[in-house]
All heavy atoms as atom14 arrays in JSON, in Angstrom:
{
  "sequence": "VLIRKDQSAQIVYYWFEQRGRNITNEYEAKWYVFWDSLMDNRT",
  "atom14_mask": [
    [1, 1, 1, 1, 1, 1, 1, 0, 0, 0, 0, 0, 0, 0],
    [1, 1, 1, 1, 1, 1, 1, 1, 0, 0, 0, 0, 0, 0],
    [1, 1, 1, 1, 1, 1, 1, 1, 0, 0, 0, 0, 0, 0],
    [1, 1, 1, 1, 1, 1, 1, 1, 1, 1, 1, 0, 0, 0],
    [1, 1, 1, 1, 1, 1, 1, 1, 1, 0, 0, 0, 0, 0],
    [1, 1, 1, 1, 1, 1, 1, 1, 0, 0, 0, 0, 0, 0],
    [1, 1, 1, 1, 1, 1, 1, 1, 1, 0, 0, 0, 0, 0],
    [1, 1, 1, 1, 1, 1, 0, 0, 0, 0, 0, 0, 0, 0],
    [1, 1, 1, 1, 1, 0, 0, 0, 0, 0, 0, 0, 0, 0],
    [1, 1, 1, 1, 1, 1, 1, 1, 1, 0, 0, 0, 0, 0],
    [1, 1, 1, 1, 1, 1, 1, 1, 0, 0, 0, 0, 0, 0],
    [1, 1, 1, 1, 1, 1, 1, 0, 0, 0, 0, 0, 0, 0],
    [1, 1, 1, 1, 1, 1, 1, 1, 1, 1, 1, 1, 0, 0],
    [1, 1, 1, 1, 1, 1, 1, 1, 1, 1, 1, 1, 0, 0],
    [1, 1, 1, 1, 1, 1, 1, 1, 1, 1, 1, 1, 1, 1],
    [1, 1, 1, 1, 1, 1, 1, 1, 1, 1, 1, 0, 0, 0],
    [1, 1, 1, 1, 1, 1, 1, 1, 1, 0, 0, 0, 0, 0],
    [1, 1, 1, 1, 1, 1, 1, 1, 1, 0, 0, 0, 0, 0],
    [1, 1, 1, 1, 1, 1, 1, 1, 1, 1, 1, 0, 0, 0],
    [1, 1, 1, 1, 0, 0, 0, 0, 0, 0, 0, 0, 0, 0],
    [1, 1, 1, 1, 1, 1, 1, 1, 1, 1, 1, 0, 0, 0],
    [1, 1, 1, 1, 1, 1, 1, 1, 0, 0, 0, 0, 0, 0],
    [1, 1, 1, 1, 1, 1, 1, 1, 0, 0, 0, 0, 0, 0],
    [1, 1, 1, 1, 1, 1, 1, 0, 0, 0, 0, 0, 0, 0],
    [1, 1, 1, 1, 1, 1, 1, 1, 0, 0, 0, 0, 0, 0],
    [1, 1, 1, 1, 1, 1, 1, 1, 1, 0, 0, 0, 0, 0],
    [1, 1, 1, 1, 1, 1, 1, 1, 1, 1, 1, 1, 0, 0],
    [1, 1, 1, 1, 1, 1, 1, 1, 1, 0, 0, 0, 0, 0],
    [1, 1, 1, 1, 1, 0, 0, 0, 0, 0, 0, 0, 0, 0],
    [1, 1, 1, 1, 1, 1, 1, 1, 1, 0, 0, 0, 0, 0],
    [1, 1, 1, 1, 1, 1, 1, 1, 1, 1, 1, 1, 1, 1],
    [1, 1, 1, 1, 1, 1, 1, 1, 1, 1, 1, 1, 0, 0],
    [1, 1, 1, 1, 1, 1, 1, 0, 0, 0, 0, 0, 0, 0],
    [1, 1, 1, 1, 1, 1, 1, 1, 1, 1, 1, 0, 0, 0],
    [1, 1, 1, 1, 1, 1, 1, 1, 1, 1, 1, 1, 1, 1],
    [1, 1, 1, 1, 1, 1, 1, 1, 0, 0, 0, 0, 0, 0],
    [1, 1, 1, 1, 1, 1, 0, 0, 0, 0, 0, 0, 0, 0],
    [1, 1, 1, 1, 1, 1, 1, 1, 0, 0, 0, 0, 0, 0],
    [1, 1, 1, 1, 1, 1, 1, 1, 0, 0, 0, 0, 0, 0],
    [1, 1, 1, 1, 1, 1, 1, 1, 0, 0, 0, 0, 0, 0],
    [1, 1, 1, 1, 1, 1, 1, 1, 0, 0, 0, 0, 0, 0],
    [1, 1, 1, 1, 1, 1, 1, 1, 1, 1, 1, 0, 0, 0],
    [1, 1, 1, 1, 1, 1, 1, 0, 0, 0, 0, 0, 0, 0]
  ],
  "atom14_positions": [
    [[244.69, 200.72, 18.86], [243.65, 200.12, 19.67], [242.33, 200.87, 19.46], [242.33, 202.1, 19.34], [244.03, 200.1, 21.17], [244.28, 201.49, 21.7], [242.97, 199.4, 22.01], [0.0, 0.0, 0.0], [0.0, 0.0, 0.0], [0.0, 0.0, 0.0], [0.0, 0.0, 0.0], [0.0, 0.0, 0.0], [0.0, 0.0, 0.0], [0.0, 0.0, 0.0]],
    [[241.25, 200.13, 19.4], [239.91, 200.71, 19.34], [239.36, 200.71, 20.76], [239.36, 199.67, 21.43], [239.01, 199.91, 18.41], [237.55, 200.38, 18.31], [237.48, 201.75, 17.64], [236.69, 199.36, 17.56], [0.0, 0.0, 0.0], [0.0, 0.0, 0.0], [0.0, 0.0, 0.0], [0.0, 0.0, 0.0], [0.0, 0.0, 0.0], [0.0, 0.0, 0.0]],
    [[238.91, 201.88, 21.21], [238.32, 201.95, 22.56], [236.86, 202.36, 22.44], [236.46, 203.1, 21.54], [239.08, 202.95, 23.46], [239.07, 204.36, 22.87], [240.52, 202.49, 23.67], [239.7, 205.42, 23.79], [0.0, 0.0, 0.0], [0.0, 0.0, 0.0], [0.0, 0.0, 0.0], [0.0, 0.0, 0.0], [0.0, 0.0, 0.0], [0.0, 0.0, 0.0]],
    [[236.04, 201.84, 23.38], [234.6, 202.09, 23.34], [234.11, 202.52, 24.72], [234.62, 202.07, 25.74], [233.84, 200.83, 22.92], [234.17, 200.3, 21.53], [233.47, 198.97, 21.29], [233.77, 198.37, 20.0], [233.02, 198.54, 18.92], [231.92, 199.29, 18.97], [233.34, 197.95, 17.78], [0.0, 0.0, 0.0], [0.0, 0.0, 0.0], [0.0, 0.0, 0.0]],
    [[233.08, 203.37, 24.7], [232.37, 203.75, 25.92], [230.94, 204.07, 25.52], [230.69, 205.05, 24.83], [233.03, 204.95, 26.6], [232.34, 205.35, 27.89], [233.14, 206.4, 28.67], [233.2, 207.71, 27.93], [233.86, 208.76, 28.75], [0.0, 0.0, 0.0], [0.0, 0.0, 0.0], [0.0, 0.0, 0.0], [0.0, 0.0, 0.0], [0.0, 0.0, 0.0]],
    [[230.01, 203.21, 25.95], [228.61, 203.33, 25.55], [228.53, 203.29, 24.02], [228.96, 202.34, 23.4], [228.0, 204.61, 26.13], [228.03, 204.61, 27.65], [227.95, 203.52, 28.24], [228.15, 205.7, 28.26], [0.0, 0.0, 0.0], [0.0, 0.0, 0.0], [0.0, 0.0, 0.0], [0.0, 0.0, 0.0], [0.0, 0.0, 0.0], [0.0, 0.0, 0.0]],
    [[228.01, 204.36, 23.41], [227.86, 204.4, 21.96], [229.04, 205.09, 21.27], [229.04, 205.23, 20.05], [226.55, 205.13, 21.59], [225.3, 204.51, 22.19], [225.12, 203.06, 21.78], [225.29, 202.71, 20.61], [224.77, 202.2, 22.73], [0.0, 0.0, 0.0], [0.0, 0.0, 0.0], [0.0, 0.0, 0.0], [0.0, 0.0, 0.0], [0.0, 0.0, 0.0]],
    [[230.01, 205.52, 22.06], [231.14, 206.24, 21.48], [232.31, 205.29, 21.22], [232.46, 204.26, 21.88], [231.61, 207.35, 22.43], [230.56, 208.25, 22.7], [0.0, 0.0, 0.0], [0.0, 0.0, 0.0], [0.0, 0.0, 0.0], [0.0, 0.0, 0.0], [0.0, 0.0, 0.0], [0.0, 0.0, 0.0], [0.0, 0.0, 0.0], [0.0, 0.0, 0.0]],
    [[233.13, 205.65, 20.23], [234.31, 204.85, 19.9], [235.41, 205.78, 19.4], [235.13, 206.85, 18.82], [233.98, 203.79, 18.86], [0.0, 0.0, 0.0], [0.0, 0.0, 0.0], [0.0, 0.0, 0.0], [0.0, 0.0, 0.0], [0.0, 0.0, 0.0], [0.0, 0.0, 0.0], [0.0, 0.0, 0.0], [0.0, 0.0, 0.0], [0.0, 0.0, 0.0]],
    [[236.65, 205.38, 19.63], [237.8, 206.14, 19.18], [238.91, 205.17, 18.81], [239.01, 204.07, 19.36], [238.31, 207.09, 20.28], [237.36, 208.18, 20.69], [237.93, 209.04, 21.8], [238.83, 208.65, 22.52], [237.38, 210.24, 21.94], [0.0, 0.0, 0.0], [0.0, 0.0, 0.0], [0.0, 0.0, 0.0], [0.0, 0.0, 0.0], [0.0, 0.0, 0.0]],
    [[239.76, 205.6, 17.86], [240.98, 204.87, 17.55], [242.14, 205.59, 18.23], [242.27, 206.82, 18.11], [241.23, 204.79, 16.04], [240.1, 204.04, 15.33], [242.56, 204.09, 15.76], [240.25, 203.99, 13.82], [0.0, 0.0, 0.0], [0.0, 0.0, 0.0], [0.0, 0.0, 0.0], [0.0, 0.0, 0.0], [0.0, 0.0, 0.0], [0.0, 0.0, 0.0]],
    [[242.95, 204.84, 18.93], [244.1, 205.4, 19.63], [245.38, 204.79, 19.06], [245.5, 203.56, 18.97], [244.03, 205.15, 21.15], [245.25, 205.74, 21.84], [242.76, 205.72, 21.74], [0.0, 0.0, 0.0], [0.0, 0.0, 0.0], [0.0, 0.0, 0.0], [0.0, 0.0, 0.0], [0.0, 0.0, 0.0], [0.0, 0.0, 0.0], [0.0, 0.0, 0.0]],
    [[246.3, 205.63, 18.66], [247.64, 205.2, 18.26], [248.61, 205.73, 19.32], [248.54, 206.9, 19.7], [248.03, 205.78, 16.89], [247.07, 205.48, 15.77], [246.06, 206.39, 15.44], [247.17, 204.31, 15.03], [245.16, 206.13, 14.4], [246.28, 204.04, 13.99], [245.28, 204.95, 13.69], [244.4, 204.68, 12.67], [0.0, 0.0, 0.0], [0.0, 0.0, 0.0]],
    [[249.49, 204.89, 19.78], [250.49, 205.39, 20.74], [251.76, 204.55, 20.67], [251.74, 203.38, 20.27], [249.93, 205.4, 22.17], [249.76, 204.05, 22.82], [250.78, 203.49, 23.59], [248.58, 203.33, 22.69], [250.62, 202.25, 24.21], [248.4, 202.1, 23.29], [249.43, 201.56, 24.05], [249.28, 200.33, 24.65], [0.0, 0.0, 0.0], [0.0, 0.0, 0.0]],
    [[252.86, 205.17, 21.04], [254.14, 204.49, 21.09], [255.07, 205.27, 22.03], [254.74, 206.38, 22.47], [254.76, 204.34, 19.7], [255.2, 205.61, 19.04], [256.45, 206.14, 18.98], [254.36, 206.51, 18.28], [256.46, 207.31, 18.27], [255.19, 207.57, 17.82], [253.0, 206.54, 17.95], [254.71, 208.61, 17.06], [252.52, 207.59, 17.2], [253.35, 208.61, 16.75]],
    [[256.2, 204.68, 22.33], [257.17, 205.29, 23.25], [258.44, 205.66, 22.5], [259.02, 204.82, 21.81], [257.52, 204.32, 24.39], [256.32, 203.83, 25.14], [255.75, 202.6, 24.83], [255.75, 204.59, 26.15], [254.64, 202.14, 25.51], [254.64, 204.13, 26.84], [254.08, 202.9, 26.52], [0.0, 0.0, 0.0], [0.0, 0.0, 0.0], [0.0, 0.0, 0.0]],
    [[258.83, 206.92, 22.61], [260.09, 207.39, 22.05], [261.12, 207.35, 23.17], [261.05, 208.14, 24.13], [259.95, 208.81, 21.5], [259.09, 208.92, 20.25], [259.79, 208.37, 19.01], [261.02, 208.16, 19.07], [259.1, 208.17, 17.99], [0.0, 0.0, 0.0], [0.0, 0.0, 0.0], [0.0, 0.0, 0.0], [0.0, 0.0, 0.0], [0.0, 0.0, 0.0]],
    [[262.06, 206.44, 23.09], [263.01, 206.2, 24.18], [264.45, 206.3, 23.67], [265.03, 205.34, 23.18], [262.77, 204.82, 24.79], [261.39, 204.65, 25.4], [261.25, 205.39, 26.72], [261.99, 205.16, 27.67], [260.29, 206.28, 26.78], [0.0, 0.0, 0.0], [0.0, 0.0, 0.0], [0.0, 0.0, 0.0], [0.0, 0.0, 0.0], [0.0, 0.0, 0.0]],
    [[264.98, 207.53, 23.7], [266.39, 207.76, 23.37], [266.77, 207.14, 22.03], [267.74, 206.39, 21.93], [267.29, 207.23, 24.51], [266.99, 207.9, 25.84], [267.46, 207.1, 27.01], [266.88, 205.77, 27.09], [265.63, 205.52, 27.5], [264.84, 206.5, 27.87], [265.17, 204.28, 27.53], [0.0, 0.0, 0.0], [0.0, 0.0, 0.0], [0.0, 0.0, 0.0]],
    [[265.96, 207.47, 21.01], [266.22, 207.0, 19.66], [265.62, 205.65, 19.35], [265.82, 205.13, 18.25], [0.0, 0.0, 0.0], [0.0, 0.0, 0.0], [0.0, 0.0, 0.0], [0.0, 0.0, 0.0], [0.0, 0.0, 0.0], [0.0, 0.0, 0.0], [0.0, 0.0, 0.0], [0.0, 0.0, 0.0], [0.0, 0.0, 0.0], [0.0, 0.0, 0.0]],
    [[264.87, 205.06, 20.28], [264.24, 203.76, 20.05], [262.73, 203.94, 19.84], [262.09, 204.72, 20.52], [264.47, 202.81, 21.23], [265.91, 202.36, 21.39], [266.0, 201.3, 22.48], [267.37, 200.82, 22.65], [268.26, 201.37, 23.45], [267.92, 202.44, 24.16], [269.48, 200.89, 23.55], [0.0, 0.0, 0.0], [0.0, 0.0, 0.0], [0.0, 0.0, 0.0]],
    [[262.19, 203.16, 18.92], [260.75, 203.11, 18.65], [260.21, 201.86, 19.37], [260.42, 200.74, 18.94], [260.53, 203.03, 17.14], [259.08, 202.79, 16.77], [258.79, 202.25, 15.71], [258.13, 203.18, 17.6], [0.0, 0.0, 0.0], [0.0, 0.0, 0.0], [0.0, 0.0, 0.0], [0.0, 0.0, 0.0], [0.0, 0.0, 0.0], [0.0, 0.0, 0.0]],
    [[259.5, 202.08, 20.48], [259.06, 200.97, 21.34], [257.55, 201.0, 21.49], [256.95, 202.06, 21.69], [259.74, 201.06, 22.74], [261.26, 200.99, 22.59], [259.24, 199.95, 23.65], [262.01, 201.16, 23.9], [0.0, 0.0, 0.0], [0.0, 0.0, 0.0], [0.0, 0.0, 0.0], [0.0, 0.0, 0.0], [0.0, 0.0, 0.0], [0.0, 0.0, 0.0]],
    [[256.93, 199.82, 21.42], [255.48, 199.72, 21.59], [255.11, 198.95, 22.85], [253.95, 198.99, 23.27], [254.84, 199.01, 20.38], [255.46, 197.72, 20.2], [255.03, 199.83, 19.11], [0.0, 0.0, 0.0], [0.0, 0.0, 0.0], [0.0, 0.0, 0.0], [0.0, 0.0, 0.0], [0.0, 0.0, 0.0], [0.0, 0.0, 0.0], [0.0, 0.0, 0.0]],
    [[256.05, 198.26, 23.46], [255.76, 197.45, 24.65], [256.2, 198.2, 25.91], [257.35, 198.64, 26.01], [256.47, 196.1, 24.54], [256.16, 195.19, 25.72], [256.76, 195.3, 26.78], [255.21, 194.29, 25.53], [0.0, 0.0, 0.0], [0.0, 0.0, 0.0], [0.0, 0.0, 0.0], [0.0, 0.0, 0.0], [0.0, 0.0, 0.0], [0.0, 0.0, 0.0]],
    [[255.28, 198.31, 26.88], [255.57, 199.07, 28.11], [256.74, 198.48, 28.89], [257.58, 199.22, 29.41], [254.33, 199.11, 29.01], [253.19, 199.95, 28.47], [252.28, 199.2, 27.52], [252.66, 198.08, 27.1], [251.2, 199.72, 27.2], [0.0, 0.0, 0.0], [0.0, 0.0, 0.0], [0.0, 0.0, 0.0], [0.0, 0.0, 0.0], [0.0, 0.0, 0.0]],
    [[256.79, 197.15, 28.96], [257.84, 196.51, 29.76], [259.19, 196.56, 29.07], [260.23, 196.65, 29.72], [257.43, 195.07, 30.09], [256.16, 195.01, 30.9], [254.95, 194.66, 30.31], [256.17, 195.36, 32.25], [253.78, 194.64, 31.06], [255.0, 195.34, 32.99], [253.81, 194.97, 32.39], [252.66, 194.96, 33.13], [0.0, 0.0, 0.0], [0.0, 0.0, 0.0]],
    [[259.18, 196.54, 27.75], [260.43, 196.73, 27.0], [260.95, 198.15, 27.24], [262.16, 198.36, 27.39], [260.19, 196.49, 25.52], [261.46, 196.6, 24.67], [261.18, 196.43, 23.19], [260.02, 196.2, 22.81], [262.14, 196.54, 22.4], [0.0, 0.0, 0.0], [0.0, 0.0, 0.0], [0.0, 0.0, 0.0], [0.0, 0.0, 0.0], [0.0, 0.0, 0.0]],
    [[260.03, 199.11, 27.29], [260.43, 200.49, 27.56], [261.07, 200.61, 28.94], [262.06, 201.31, 29.13], [259.22, 201.42, 27.45], [0.0, 0.0, 0.0], [0.0, 0.0, 0.0], [0.0, 0.0, 0.0], [0.0, 0.0, 0.0], [0.0, 0.0, 0.0], [0.0, 0.0, 0.0], [0.0, 0.0, 0.0], [0.0, 0.0, 0.0], [0.0, 0.0, 0.0]],
    [[260.5, 199.89, 29.93], [261.06, 199.91, 31.28], [262.48, 199.32, 31.3], [263.37, 199.83, 31.98], [260.17, 199.12, 32.24], [258.82, 199.75, 32.5], [258.97, 201.03, 33.29], [257.63, 201.68, 33.55], [257.77, 202.98, 34.24], [0.0, 0.0, 0.0], [0.0, 0.0, 0.0], [0.0, 0.0, 0.0], [0.0, 0.0, 0.0], [0.0, 0.0, 0.0]],
    [[262.65, 198.24, 30.55], [263.97, 197.62, 30.51], [265.0, 198.58, 29.94], [266.1, 198.72, 30.48], [263.94, 196.34, 29.68], [265.3, 195.91, 29.22], [265.8, 195.95, 27.95], [266.36, 195.4, 30.04], [267.09, 195.5, 27.91], [267.47, 195.15, 29.18], [266.49, 195.13, 31.39], [268.68, 194.66, 29.65], [267.7, 194.64, 31.86], [268.77, 194.4, 31.0]],
    [[264.67, 199.28, 28.85], [265.64, 200.17, 28.23], [265.89, 201.43, 29.07], [266.96, 202.04, 28.96], [265.19, 200.55, 26.81], [265.55, 199.48, 25.81], [264.55, 198.77, 25.12], [266.88, 199.16, 25.56], [264.89, 197.78, 24.21], [267.22, 198.17, 24.65], [266.23, 197.48, 23.98], [266.57, 196.5, 23.09], [0.0, 0.0, 0.0], [0.0, 0.0, 0.0]],
    [[264.92, 201.83, 29.9], [265.2, 202.9, 30.86], [266.33, 202.47, 31.78], [267.28, 203.23, 32.05], [263.94, 203.25, 31.68], [264.3, 204.13, 32.87], [262.92, 203.97, 30.8], [0.0, 0.0, 0.0], [0.0, 0.0, 0.0], [0.0, 0.0, 0.0], [0.0, 0.0, 0.0], [0.0, 0.0, 0.0], [0.0, 0.0, 0.0], [0.0, 0.0, 0.0]],
    [[266.24, 201.23, 32.26], [267.28, 200.69, 33.14], [268.61, 200.57, 32.4], [269.66, 201.0, 32.88], [266.83, 199.33, 33.67], [267.82, 198.66, 34.58], [267.83, 198.94, 35.94], [268.75, 197.76, 34.09], [268.74, 198.33, 36.78], [269.66, 197.14, 34.92], [269.65, 197.43, 36.27], [0.0, 0.0, 0.0], [0.0, 0.0, 0.0], [0.0, 0.0, 0.0]],
    [[268.57, 199.99, 31.2], [269.8, 199.72, 30.45], [270.5, 201.01, 30.01], [271.71, 201.15, 30.15], [269.48, 198.85, 29.24], [270.68, 198.5, 28.42], [271.04, 199.03, 27.21], [271.71, 197.57, 28.75], [272.21, 198.48, 26.77], [272.66, 197.57, 27.69], [271.92, 196.72, 29.83], [273.78, 196.77, 27.7], [273.05, 195.91, 29.83], [273.96, 195.94, 28.78]],
    [[269.72, 201.95, 29.49], [270.32, 203.2, 29.01], [270.83, 204.05, 30.16], [271.8, 204.81, 30.01], [269.32, 203.99, 28.18], [269.03, 203.31, 26.84], [269.81, 202.43, 26.45], [268.02, 203.65, 26.2], [0.0, 0.0, 0.0], [0.0, 0.0, 0.0], [0.0, 0.0, 0.0], [0.0, 0.0, 0.0], [0.0, 0.0, 0.0], [0.0, 0.0, 0.0]],
    [[270.17, 203.96, 31.29], [270.68, 204.67, 32.47], [272.03, 204.1, 32.88], [272.94, 204.85, 33.25], [269.69, 204.55, 33.62], [270.21, 205.13, 34.79], [0.0, 0.0, 0.0], [0.0, 0.0, 0.0], [0.0, 0.0, 0.0], [0.0, 0.0, 0.0], [0.0, 0.0, 0.0], [0.0, 0.0, 0.0], [0.0, 0.0, 0.0], [0.0, 0.0, 0.0]],
    [[272.16, 202.79, 32.76], [273.4, 202.12, 33.13], [274.52, 202.42, 32.13], [275.64, 202.76, 32.52], [273.16, 200.61, 33.21], [274.27, 199.73, 33.75], [274.54, 200.05, 35.21], [273.9, 198.26, 33.59], [0.0, 0.0, 0.0], [0.0, 0.0, 0.0], [0.0, 0.0, 0.0], [0.0, 0.0, 0.0], [0.0, 0.0, 0.0], [0.0, 0.0, 0.0]],
    [[274.19, 202.34, 30.83], [275.21, 202.46, 29.81], [275.46, 203.9, 29.36], [276.6, 204.3, 29.1], [274.82, 201.61, 28.59], [274.58, 200.14, 28.92], [276.01, 199.34, 29.71], [277.21, 199.42, 28.4], [0.0, 0.0, 0.0], [0.0, 0.0, 0.0], [0.0, 0.0, 0.0], [0.0, 0.0, 0.0], [0.0, 0.0, 0.0], [0.0, 0.0, 0.0]],
    [[274.39, 204.7, 29.25], [274.52, 206.05, 28.7], [274.21, 207.15, 29.71], [274.31, 208.34, 29.39], [273.58, 206.23, 27.49], [273.9, 205.24, 26.38], [275.07, 204.88, 26.23], [272.95, 204.82, 25.68], [0.0, 0.0, 0.0], [0.0, 0.0, 0.0], [0.0, 0.0, 0.0], [0.0, 0.0, 0.0], [0.0, 0.0, 0.0], [0.0, 0.0, 0.0]],
    [[273.79, 206.76, 30.92], [273.44, 207.73, 31.97], [272.3, 208.64, 31.52], [272.28, 209.84, 31.82], [274.66, 208.56, 32.37], [274.52, 209.13, 33.77], [273.74, 208.63, 34.58], [275.26, 210.18, 34.06], [0.0, 0.0, 0.0], [0.0, 0.0, 0.0], [0.0, 0.0, 0.0], [0.0, 0.0, 0.0], [0.0, 0.0, 0.0], [0.0, 0.0, 0.0]],
    [[271.32, 208.05, 30.79], [270.15, 208.8, 30.32], [268.88, 208.0, 30.59], [268.86, 206.78, 30.41], [270.24, 209.07, 28.81], [271.28, 210.07, 28.39], [271.28, 210.2, 26.87], [269.98, 210.59, 26.34], [269.67, 210.56, 25.04], [270.57, 210.16, 24.15], [268.47, 210.94, 24.62], [0.0, 0.0, 0.0], [0.0, 0.0, 0.0], [0.0, 0.0, 0.0]],
    [[267.82, 208.71, 31.01], [266.52, 208.06, 31.16], [265.41, 208.89, 30.54], [264.23, 208.66, 30.81], [266.18, 207.81, 32.65], [266.07, 209.08, 33.32], [267.22, 206.97, 33.33], [0.0, 0.0, 0.0], [0.0, 0.0, 0.0], [0.0, 0.0, 0.0], [0.0, 0.0, 0.0], [0.0, 0.0, 0.0], [0.0, 0.0, 0.0], [0.0, 0.0, 0.0]]
  ]
}
């Protein structure tokens, strides 16, 4: 994502590392927190 403030700009890269999963969607990450807690007892 490119973010701007006045005349400044930055490129931001981010992702979620979730128990061996590469996730970019916040809500998908929430779902796997629930699922892995249920199945593997890990969050």
